[in-house]
Amino acid sequence: MKNIVFDFFDGKATAIQRKYIEAWLAEEANQETYYQYLDEWESQRPQFALDADKALDSYQQILQDTHPPAFPQRILKPDPTAWTQHWLKWSIAASLLLVSLLGAFLFRSELLNKSYQTAYGQTATFQLSDGTRVMLNANSRLTVPRFGFGSDTRRVLLEGEGEFKVTHTITNQRFIVQTPANLRVEVLGTEFVVYARKRGERVFLNKGKVKLQLPQGQQLYMKPGNVVTVANSGRYQLTQSSPARHYLAWKDHWFYFDNTTLAEIARQIQERFGVDVVIADPELAQRRIAGNFKAEKADDLLQILSELLNLDVVRTRRHIELRTLN
């Protein structure tokens, strides 16, 4: 079977072999084996072939050339005024060039990629060209290539949080979710949630199988119910079985708290609604809450917290402060 799959990757498979592979992949148990074959095939065929002998010869020729060409020397008298004028001209030119390059880069990125984005307090569902459905949590962005998406590998970039329901293609194309911290989630057809924000990243697998490529090079295969949490330091933790509602509650504007500290709740409010919540009292910040609460606006959740913990909500121009009522 490996030889047939390798012929398929090399573009040498016959029509009968392709039909055979399609039937073989219809069984879910064979999809993980397909991934292993793909990894082995890619490792045996690097995209860049280095000619080490040629590079070494070129380097030795440079070392042997001990007589660099001599150039006539000219003695120039310093002119402070001229130097200042030249420096000013070069500074202006360099600044204009930098602005032009930055504008060209941003324009090129906008031209080559399409972005799906949600504002604070908003969730939205998008369908990609391959049929995959993505639901983004608040304050999230999904970047998808405008050209070539689905022709080889389906690759997207997620900043924020989103649930993916990946469509399986006839040619068994991989679907890859990349995060800013280089966490990579590879799937064939499955349902999972990816969290990628400043304070860390997380993947929850609801259905199917995925392979994680962690920032430090480790690989993990996940099963339904698994949760992998990756800290900014690169350390990760695998939880074998977790309830789905904890990671899917945001889809219906619910907050699921399971012995959650008030400090953690404040961070979730900032991520979801863009509201800075300050808790000056360390003891108050460590008070814990359990329960499910629906809140479509920051004020909804703040009112619940105020009544539940007997808090005073103080608003300033820059943030909201939580205090214990006297």
Protein backbone atom coordinates (compact mmCIF):
# COMPACT_ATOMS: atom_id res chain seq x y z
CA MET A 1 0.00 0.00 0.00
CA LYS A 2 2.89 2.36 0.77
CA ASN A 3 4.32 1.89 -2.73
CA ILE A 4 0.96 2.72 -4.30
CA VAL A 5 0.56 5.85 -2.16
CA PHE A 6 4.13 6.96 -2.96
CA ASP A 7 3.40 6.53 -6.69
CA PHE A 8 0.33 8.72 -6.16
CA PHE A 9 2.42 11.45 -4.49
CA ASP A 10 4.95 11.23 -7.36
CA GLY A 11 2.17 11.61 -9.93
CA LYS A 12 2.75 8.11 -11.32
CA ALA A 13 -0.40 6.38 -10.06
CA THR A 14 -2.73 4.86 -12.64
CA ALA A 15 -6.46 5.52 -12.71
CA ILE A 16 -7.11 2.14 -11.09
CA GLN A 17 -4.58 2.88 -8.33
CA ARG A 18 -6.17 6.27 -7.63
CA LYS A 19 -9.59 4.63 -7.30
CA TYR A 20 -8.07 2.04 -4.98
CA ILE A 21 -6.51 4.79 -2.78
CA GLU A 22 -9.83 6.66 -2.69
CA ALA A 23 -11.64 3.55 -1.45
CA TRP A 24 -8.87 2.84 1.05
CA LEU A 25 -9.11 6.37 2.51
CA ALA A 26 -12.87 6.04 2.92
CA GLU A 27 -12.05 4.04 6.07
CA GLU A 28 -11.22 6.51 8.85
CA ALA A 29 -8.64 4.15 10.39
CA ASN A 30 -6.46 4.47 7.27
CA GLN A 31 -6.27 8.27 7.31
CA GLU A 32 -3.61 8.40 10.04
CA THR A 33 -1.50 5.90 8.07
CA TYR A 34 -1.90 8.15 5.02
CA TYR A 35 -0.44 11.03 7.06
CA GLN A 36 2.53 8.91 8.11
CA TYR A 37 3.20 7.95 4.49
CA LEU A 38 2.98 11.61 3.49
CA ASP A 39 5.49 12.67 6.16
CA GLU A 40 7.89 9.92 5.09
CA TRP A 41 7.54 10.82 1.41
CA GLU A 42 8.18 14.54 2.06
CA SER A 43 11.23 13.81 4.24
CA GLN A 44 12.77 11.73 1.42
CA ARG A 45 12.24 14.48 -1.16
CA PRO A 46 13.63 17.81 0.13
CA GLN A 47 12.61 20.85 -1.87
CA PHE A 48 16.17 22.26 -1.97
CA ALA A 49 19.22 20.25 -3.09
CA LEU A 50 22.52 21.67 -1.85
CA ASP A 51 25.66 21.24 -3.99
CA ALA A 52 28.14 21.13 -1.12
CA ASP A 53 31.20 20.40 -3.29
CA LYS A 54 30.56 23.40 -5.54
CA ALA A 55 30.02 25.69 -2.55
CA LEU A 56 33.23 24.48 -0.90
CA ASP A 57 35.25 25.07 -4.10
CA SER A 58 33.93 28.63 -4.37
CA TYR A 59 34.80 29.33 -0.74
CA GLN A 60 38.34 27.99 -1.13
CA GLN A 61 38.90 30.20 -4.19
CA ILE A 62 37.96 33.25 -2.11
CA LEU A 63 40.42 32.23 0.60
CA GLN A 64 43.24 31.72 -1.93
CA ASP A 65 42.75 35.16 -3.46
CA THR A 66 45.13 37.03 -1.11
CA HIS A 67 45.77 39.99 -3.47
CA PRO A 68 42.62 42.04 -3.81
CA PRO A 69 42.66 44.65 -6.60
CA ALA A 70 44.14 48.00 -5.60
CA PHE A 71 42.25 51.21 -6.18
CA PRO A 72 43.79 54.72 -6.34
CA GLN A 73 43.30 56.64 -3.12
CA ARG A 74 41.89 60.12 -3.00
CA ILE A 75 42.19 62.48 -0.06
CA LEU A 76 39.04 64.48 0.51
CA LYS A 77 38.78 67.46 2.79
CA PRO A 78 35.74 67.34 5.03
CA ASP A 79 33.01 69.89 4.32
CA PRO A 80 30.55 69.95 7.26
CA THR A 81 27.93 71.89 5.29
CA ALA A 82 28.03 69.54 2.31
CA TRP A 83 28.00 66.50 4.60
CA THR A 84 24.90 67.78 6.40
CA GLN A 85 23.09 68.45 3.13
CA HIS A 86 23.94 65.00 1.76
CA TRP A 87 22.88 63.35 5.03
CA LEU A 88 19.55 65.19 4.95
CA LYS A 89 18.93 64.20 1.33
CA TRP A 90 19.78 60.57 1.99
CA SER A 91 17.58 60.51 5.12
CA ILE A 92 14.59 61.86 3.19
CA ALA A 93 15.22 59.43 0.34
CA ALA A 94 15.57 56.49 2.74
CA SER A 95 12.35 57.47 4.56
CA LEU A 96 10.43 57.73 1.29
CA LEU A 97 11.82 54.38 0.16
CA LEU A 98 10.83 52.74 3.47
CA VAL A 99 7.29 54.12 3.25
CA SER A 100 7.02 52.99 -0.37
CA LEU A 101 8.27 49.49 0.44
CA LEU A 102 5.90 49.21 3.41
CA GLY A 103 2.97 50.37 1.30
CA ALA A 104 3.90 47.95 -1.47
CA PHE A 105 4.16 45.10 1.04
CA LEU A 106 0.77 45.86 2.58
CA PHE A 107 -0.81 46.22 -0.85
CA ARG A 108 0.77 42.97 -2.01
CA SER A 109 -0.45 41.16 1.12
CA GLU A 110 -3.96 42.52 0.60
CA LEU A 111 -3.83 41.54 -3.07
CA LEU A 112 -2.66 37.97 -2.45
CA ASN A 113 -4.75 37.25 0.66
CA LYS A 114 -8.33 37.65 1.78
CA SER A 115 -9.14 38.36 5.42
CA TYR A 116 -12.23 37.43 7.42
CA GLN A 117 -12.47 39.46 10.62
CA THR A 118 -14.76 39.95 13.60
CA ALA A 119 -15.00 42.97 15.87
CA TYR A 120 -15.13 42.99 19.67
CA GLY A 121 -18.32 41.33 20.91
CA GLN A 122 -19.09 39.83 17.46
CA THR A 123 -19.08 36.25 16.20
CA ALA A 124 -19.50 35.32 12.55
CA THR A 125 -19.52 32.24 10.32
CA PHE A 126 -17.73 32.13 6.96
CA GLN A 127 -17.65 29.46 4.25
CA LEU A 128 -14.38 29.05 2.34
CA SER A 129 -14.15 28.18 -1.34
CA ASP A 130 -13.51 24.48 -0.58
CA GLY A 131 -16.72 24.24 1.48
CA THR A 132 -15.00 24.45 4.89
CA ARG A 133 -17.03 26.43 7.44
CA VAL A 134 -15.23 28.61 9.98
CA MET A 135 -16.89 30.35 12.91
CA LEU A 136 -14.75 33.14 14.37
CA ASN A 137 -14.99 34.29 17.94
CA ALA A 138 -14.86 38.00 18.77
CA ASN A 139 -11.68 39.96 17.98
CA SER A 140 -10.37 37.35 15.52
CA ARG A 141 -8.94 37.31 11.99
CA LEU A 142 -8.60 34.51 9.43
CA THR A 143 -6.31 35.06 6.43
CA VAL A 144 -6.84 32.89 3.33
CA PRO A 145 -4.89 33.00 0.02
CA ARG A 146 -6.90 34.51 -2.83
CA PHE A 147 -5.16 32.41 -5.49
CA GLY A 148 -4.36 28.72 -5.48
CA PHE A 149 -6.25 27.84 -2.31
CA GLY A 150 -7.17 24.17 -2.65
CA SER A 151 -4.97 23.51 -5.68
CA ASP A 152 -2.31 21.85 -3.53
CA THR A 153 -2.49 22.44 0.22
CA ARG A 154 -5.22 24.39 1.95
CA ARG A 155 -3.38 26.70 4.33
CA VAL A 156 -4.88 29.52 6.47
CA LEU A 157 -3.59 31.83 9.22
CA LEU A 158 -5.64 32.36 12.40
CA GLU A 159 -5.24 35.18 14.91
CA GLY A 160 -7.79 34.90 17.71
CA GLU A 161 -10.16 31.95 18.09
CA GLY A 162 -12.21 29.94 15.64
CA GLU A 163 -14.05 26.67 15.14
CA PHE A 164 -13.27 24.78 11.92
CA LYS A 165 -15.49 22.22 10.18
CA VAL A 166 -13.18 21.05 7.42
CA THR A 167 -14.56 19.58 4.21
CA HIS A 168 -12.91 16.40 2.96
CA THR A 169 -11.83 16.66 -0.70
CA ILE A 170 -11.69 13.92 -3.34
CA THR A 171 -7.92 14.33 -3.63
CA ASN A 172 -7.47 14.18 0.18
CA GLN A 173 -5.83 17.58 0.42
CA ARG A 174 -4.50 18.54 3.81
CA PHE A 175 -6.01 21.52 5.61
CA ILE A 176 -3.44 23.46 7.65
CA VAL A 177 -4.19 26.12 10.26
CA GLN A 178 -1.13 28.24 11.07
CA THR A 179 -0.88 30.60 14.07
CA PRO A 180 1.44 33.60 14.62
CA ALA A 181 3.51 31.54 17.09
CA ASN A 182 4.08 28.82 14.44
CA LEU A 183 1.68 26.27 15.89
CA ARG A 184 0.45 24.19 12.93
CA VAL A 185 -2.70 22.07 12.87
CA GLU A 186 -2.96 19.56 9.99
CA VAL A 187 -6.22 17.76 9.21
CA LEU A 188 -8.01 15.81 6.48
CA GLY A 189 -11.63 16.25 7.56
CA THR A 190 -12.68 17.04 11.11
CA GLU A 191 -14.07 19.57 13.62
CA PHE A 192 -11.79 21.44 16.02
CA VAL A 193 -11.30 24.79 17.79
CA VAL A 194 -8.05 26.78 17.68
CA TYR A 195 -7.25 29.55 20.19
CA ALA A 196 -4.30 31.79 19.27
CA ARG A 197 -3.90 34.99 21.25
CA LYS A 198 -1.09 36.91 22.94
CA ARG A 199 -1.13 34.91 26.19
CA GLY A 200 -0.91 31.47 24.59
CA GLU A 201 -2.48 28.99 22.18
CA ARG A 202 -4.81 26.02 22.46
CA VAL A 203 -6.35 23.34 20.24
CA PHE A 204 -9.48 21.37 21.13
CA LEU A 205 -10.46 18.42 18.91
CA ASN A 206 -14.18 17.72 18.76
CA LYS A 207 -14.35 15.14 15.94
CA GLY A 208 -11.88 13.27 13.73
CA LYS A 209 -8.08 13.35 13.98
CA VAL A 210 -5.47 16.08 13.66
CA LYS A 211 -1.70 16.30 13.76
CA LEU A 212 -0.07 19.16 15.64
CA GLN A 213 3.31 20.59 14.67
CA LEU A 214 4.46 22.42 17.80
CA PRO A 215 6.76 25.49 17.65
CA GLN A 216 9.74 23.56 19.06
CA GLY A 217 9.48 20.75 16.49
CA GLN A 218 7.44 18.15 18.40
CA GLN A 219 4.54 16.39 16.71
CA LEU A 220 1.35 15.20 18.39
CA TYR A 221 -1.61 13.21 17.08
CA MET A 222 -4.86 14.21 18.78
CA LYS A 223 -8.05 12.22 19.36
CA PRO A 224 -11.57 13.57 20.00
CA GLY A 225 -11.79 15.23 23.41
CA ASN A 226 -8.05 16.02 23.55
CA VAL A 227 -6.91 19.53 24.43
CA VAL A 228 -3.37 20.79 23.84
CA THR A 229 -2.39 24.07 25.52
CA VAL A 230 0.82 25.79 24.44
CA ALA A 231 2.38 28.54 26.58
CA ASN A 232 4.38 31.42 25.12
CA SER A 233 7.51 29.70 26.43
CA GLY A 234 6.83 26.77 24.10
CA ARG A 235 5.87 24.30 26.84
CA TYR A 236 2.72 22.34 26.10
CA GLN A 237 0.21 20.27 28.07
CA LEU A 238 -2.04 17.52 26.71
CA THR A 239 -5.36 16.86 28.45
CA GLN A 240 -6.82 13.51 27.42
CA SER A 241 -10.54 14.18 27.86
CA SER A 242 -12.38 17.47 28.24
CA PRO A 243 -16.06 18.49 27.88
CA ALA A 244 -16.77 20.16 24.56
CA ARG A 245 -19.05 22.84 26.05
CA HIS A 246 -16.10 24.52 27.78
CA TYR A 247 -14.47 25.26 24.40
CA LEU A 248 -17.61 25.81 22.31
CA ALA A 249 -19.68 27.97 24.68
CA TRP A 250 -18.56 31.21 22.99
CA LYS A 251 -20.42 30.22 19.80
CA ASP A 252 -23.72 31.13 21.51
CA HIS A 253 -22.28 34.03 23.54
CA TRP A 254 -21.95 31.92 26.69
CA PHE A 255 -19.16 32.05 29.25
CA TYR A 256 -18.36 28.72 30.91
CA PHE A 257 -16.57 29.11 34.24
CA ASP A 258 -15.26 26.10 36.15
CA ASN A 259 -13.66 27.37 39.38
CA THR A 260 -12.33 30.30 37.33
CA THR A 261 -10.58 33.24 39.03
CA LEU A 262 -11.91 36.77 38.67
CA ALA A 263 -8.54 37.76 37.18
CA GLU A 264 -8.98 35.19 34.39
CA ILE A 265 -12.53 36.41 33.78
CA ALA A 266 -11.18 39.97 33.42
CA ARG A 267 -8.76 38.74 30.75
CA GLN A 268 -11.58 37.02 28.87
CA ILE A 269 -13.63 40.23 28.94
CA GLN A 270 -10.72 42.13 27.41
CA GLU A 271 -10.26 39.53 24.65
CA ARG A 272 -13.94 39.24 23.78
CA PHE A 273 -15.13 42.84 24.22
CA GLY A 274 -12.00 45.00 24.18
CA VAL A 275 -12.74 46.38 27.65
CA ASP A 276 -9.88 46.72 30.16
CA VAL A 277 -10.97 45.50 33.60
CA VAL A 278 -8.73 46.36 36.56
CA ILE A 279 -8.85 44.54 39.92
CA ALA A 280 -6.63 46.40 42.37
CA ASP A 281 -7.29 44.07 45.31
CA PRO A 282 -5.18 40.86 44.90
CA GLU A 283 -7.47 38.91 47.20
CA LEU A 284 -10.51 39.88 45.12
CA ALA A 285 -8.69 38.95 41.89
CA GLN A 286 -8.29 35.36 43.16
CA ARG A 287 -11.96 34.81 44.04
CA ARG A 288 -13.35 31.94 42.00
CA ILE A 289 -16.62 31.41 40.12
CA ALA A 290 -18.37 28.37 38.64
CA GLY A 291 -21.35 28.38 36.30
CA ASN A 292 -22.63 29.23 32.83
CA PHE A 293 -23.51 32.83 31.99
CA LYS A 294 -24.76 34.32 28.71
CA ALA A 295 -23.45 37.78 27.83
CA GLU A 296 -23.51 39.46 24.43
CA LYS A 297 -22.00 42.68 25.82
CA ALA A 298 -19.41 43.43 28.48
CA ASP A 299 -22.05 45.17 30.60
CA ASP A 300 -24.12 41.97 30.73
CA LEU A 301 -21.29 40.00 32.30
CA LEU A 302 -20.19 42.84 34.57
CA GLN A 303 -23.72 43.12 35.96
CA ILE A 304 -23.75 39.37 36.68
CA LEU A 305 -20.39 39.61 38.46
CA SER A 306 -21.55 42.63 40.44
CA GLU A 307 -24.63 40.84 41.74
CA LEU A 308 -22.96 37.49 42.25
CA LEU A 309 -19.90 38.75 44.16
CA ASN A 310 -21.38 41.95 45.63
CA LEU A 311 -19.00 44.16 43.65
CA ASP A 312 -18.93 47.82 42.78
CA VAL A 313 -18.24 48.52 39.08
CA VAL A 314 -16.37 51.83 38.75
CA ARG A 315 -15.96 53.30 35.26
CA THR A 316 -13.11 55.64 34.34
CA ARG A 317 -12.04 57.10 31.00
CA ARG A 318 -9.51 54.31 30.39
CA HIS A 319 -10.81 51.20 32.13
CA ILE A 320 -13.36 49.60 34.45
CA GLU A 321 -12.38 48.80 38.01
CA LEU A 322 -13.97 46.12 40.18
CA ARG A 323 -14.10 46.78 43.90
CA THR A 324 -15.64 45.03 46.89
CA LEU A 325 -18.58 46.91 48.36
CA ASN A 326 -17.97 48.18 51.87
